[in-house]
Amino acid sequence: MKVILNEHVEQLGERGTTCEVKSGFARNYLIPKGLAYKATIANLARFKQEQRRWEHRETRDKLQAEDAATKFAGIELTFRRRAGEGDALYGSVTSTDIAAALAARGLEVDRRKIELAQHIKRVGTFTAQVHLHREVRVPITLHVEREGEASGT
């Protein structure tokens, strides 16, 4: 089924792109969530009318994300967890933990916007990316320490 993307869809395309997708994906996901329109002449005209409003909104959202990025710049979070032999954690540090630590500092962010390169299951220093906007990502440093150790900072 041919659809016109109404929003940026990861690994599918940018807003305004016409692409071919499986009909079930379009009917059950893209169209009900407002991410795409069925590619018809009427919907193409509708898309062109809304284009200017979207461009304005996109610019505003990017500027807000860049402003928020300055608040996240240079943040280092420390987590103290129980660890066993070889500095392996009992459990892990998750994006939910990171979002809670950021919220405690007054920086609200959805846990789904936090990307970890790998699962954090060891003591050490790691980096996570906070996706504030499609084009704005901010790295934050995570220090995971053994519970009961004295902090060096």
Protein backbone atom coordinates (compact mmCIF):
# COMPACT_ATOMS: atom_id res chain seq x y z
CA MET A 1 0.00 0.00 0.00
CA LYS A 2 1.32 3.47 -0.84
CA VAL A 3 1.28 5.99 1.98
CA ILE A 4 2.41 9.59 2.51
CA LEU A 5 4.27 9.97 5.78
CA ASN A 6 2.74 12.59 8.04
CA GLU A 7 5.61 12.38 10.58
CA HIS A 8 9.20 11.18 10.55
CA VAL A 9 9.15 7.40 10.97
CA GLU A 10 12.44 5.79 11.96
CA GLN A 11 13.80 3.49 9.22
CA LEU A 12 10.95 4.40 6.88
CA GLY A 13 11.38 8.03 5.92
CA GLU A 14 10.90 11.72 6.52
CA ARG A 15 7.65 13.66 6.58
CA GLY A 16 6.25 14.02 3.07
CA THR A 17 7.88 10.88 1.69
CA THR A 18 5.66 8.58 -0.32
CA CYS A 19 6.59 4.98 0.33
CA GLU A 20 5.30 1.48 -0.17
CA VAL A 21 4.51 -0.46 3.02
CA LYS A 22 2.62 -3.63 3.83
CA SER A 23 -1.09 -2.93 4.04
CA GLY A 24 -1.43 -4.34 7.58
CA PHE A 25 1.34 -2.05 8.85
CA ALA A 26 -0.39 0.94 7.25
CA ARG A 27 -3.93 0.05 8.39
CA ASN A 28 -3.04 -1.09 11.91
CA TYR A 29 -0.21 1.23 12.87
CA LEU A 30 0.68 4.16 10.60
CA ILE A 31 -2.78 5.49 9.73
CA PRO A 32 -4.45 5.08 13.17
CA LYS A 33 -1.52 6.81 14.92
CA GLY A 34 -1.62 9.68 12.41
CA LEU A 35 1.86 8.88 11.12
CA ALA A 36 0.72 8.49 7.51
CA TYR A 37 -2.11 9.03 5.04
CA LYS A 38 -3.16 6.71 2.29
CA ALA A 39 -1.52 8.01 -0.91
CA THR A 40 -4.46 9.56 -2.78
CA ILE A 41 -4.70 12.78 -4.75
CA ALA A 42 -6.91 14.35 -2.05
CA ASN A 43 -4.48 13.41 0.74
CA LEU A 44 -1.53 14.71 -1.28
CA ALA A 45 -3.31 18.09 -1.55
CA ARG A 46 -4.09 17.98 2.17
CA PHE A 47 -0.43 17.29 2.90
CA LYS A 48 0.74 20.25 0.82
CA GLN A 49 -1.63 22.59 2.73
CA GLU A 50 -0.30 21.44 6.10
CA GLN A 51 3.38 21.55 5.07
CA ARG A 52 4.04 25.17 6.18
CA ARG A 53 2.51 24.59 9.62
CA TRP A 54 4.65 21.46 10.11
CA GLU A 55 7.82 23.26 9.09
CA HIS A 56 7.11 25.98 11.65
CA ARG A 57 6.41 23.40 14.36
CA GLU A 58 9.53 21.42 13.46
CA THR A 59 11.72 24.53 13.73
CA ARG A 60 10.15 25.45 17.09
CA ASP A 61 10.59 21.91 18.47
CA LYS A 62 14.23 21.78 17.37
CA LEU A 63 14.99 25.14 19.00
CA GLN A 64 13.34 23.98 22.24
CA ALA A 65 15.36 20.75 22.13
CA GLU A 66 18.60 22.66 21.55
CA ASP A 67 17.74 24.89 24.51
CA ALA A 68 17.05 21.82 26.68
CA ALA A 69 20.32 20.26 25.47
CA THR A 70 22.26 23.00 27.26
CA LYS A 71 20.70 21.82 30.55
CA PHE A 72 21.77 18.22 29.88
CA ALA A 73 25.30 19.07 28.71
CA GLY A 74 28.02 17.73 30.97
CA ILE A 75 25.70 15.80 33.28
CA GLU A 76 27.29 12.93 35.16
CA LEU A 77 25.13 10.54 37.15
CA THR A 78 26.41 8.14 39.80
CA PHE A 79 24.62 4.90 40.67
CA ARG A 80 25.59 2.73 43.61
CA ARG A 81 24.58 -0.91 43.22
CA ARG A 82 25.37 -4.20 44.90
CA ALA A 83 27.99 -6.10 42.95
CA GLY A 84 29.45 -9.57 43.10
CA GLU A 85 32.73 -11.04 41.95
CA GLY A 86 34.33 -9.45 38.93
CA ASP A 87 32.33 -6.25 39.49
CA ALA A 88 29.18 -7.82 38.03
CA LEU A 89 26.04 -6.08 39.26
CA TYR A 90 23.13 -7.88 40.88
CA GLY A 91 20.64 -6.54 38.36
CA SER A 92 21.43 -3.64 36.04
CA VAL A 93 21.13 0.10 35.55
CA THR A 94 18.25 0.77 33.17
CA SER A 95 16.87 3.73 31.27
CA THR A 96 14.14 3.94 33.93
CA ASP A 97 16.82 4.41 36.61
CA ILE A 98 18.49 7.10 34.51
CA ALA A 99 15.18 8.91 33.90
CA ALA A 100 14.46 8.85 37.66
CA ALA A 101 17.94 10.24 38.46
CA LEU A 102 17.45 13.01 35.89
CA ALA A 103 14.00 13.79 37.30
CA ALA A 104 15.57 14.12 40.76
CA ARG A 105 17.77 16.86 39.27
CA GLY A 106 14.71 18.58 37.80
CA LEU A 107 15.22 17.33 34.22
CA GLU A 108 12.14 15.45 33.06
CA VAL A 109 12.73 13.04 30.18
CA ASP A 110 10.81 10.00 28.99
CA ARG A 111 12.75 6.77 29.60
CA ARG A 112 12.18 5.77 25.95
CA LYS A 113 14.23 8.80 24.90
CA ILE A 114 17.31 7.42 26.69
CA GLU A 115 19.48 5.14 24.57
CA LEU A 116 22.08 2.88 26.13
CA ALA A 117 24.82 1.45 23.89
CA GLN A 118 24.79 -1.77 25.92
CA HIS A 119 23.13 -3.13 29.03
CA ILE A 120 24.85 -1.80 32.12
CA LYS A 121 25.58 -4.87 34.23
CA ARG A 122 29.06 -4.04 35.52
CA VAL A 123 30.76 -1.46 37.68
CA GLY A 124 32.40 1.25 35.57
CA THR A 125 31.80 4.36 33.50
CA PHE A 126 29.31 4.36 30.62
CA THR A 127 27.73 6.82 28.21
CA ALA A 128 24.03 7.15 27.35
CA GLN A 129 22.37 9.31 24.69
CA VAL A 130 19.30 11.41 25.47
CA HIS A 131 17.19 12.01 22.34
CA LEU A 132 15.57 15.39 22.80
CA HIS A 133 14.69 15.74 19.13
CA ARG A 134 15.28 13.74 15.99
CA GLU A 135 18.37 15.86 15.27
CA VAL A 136 19.37 16.73 18.86
CA ARG A 137 21.08 14.09 21.00
CA VAL A 138 22.99 14.76 24.19
CA PRO A 139 25.50 12.34 25.75
CA ILE A 140 25.46 11.90 29.52
CA THR A 141 28.07 10.06 31.57
CA LEU A 142 27.05 7.31 33.98
CA HIS A 143 29.27 6.13 36.81
CA VAL A 144 28.31 2.80 38.35
CA GLU A 145 29.98 2.09 41.67
CA ARG A 146 29.95 -0.81 44.05
CA GLU A 147 27.58 -0.16 46.95
CA GLY A 148 29.48 0.72 50.12
CA GLU A 149 32.59 2.09 48.36
CA ALA A 150 33.68 5.62 49.09
CA SER A 151 33.15 7.96 46.14
CA GLY A 152 36.25 9.57 44.62
CA THR A 153 34.34 12.74 43.58
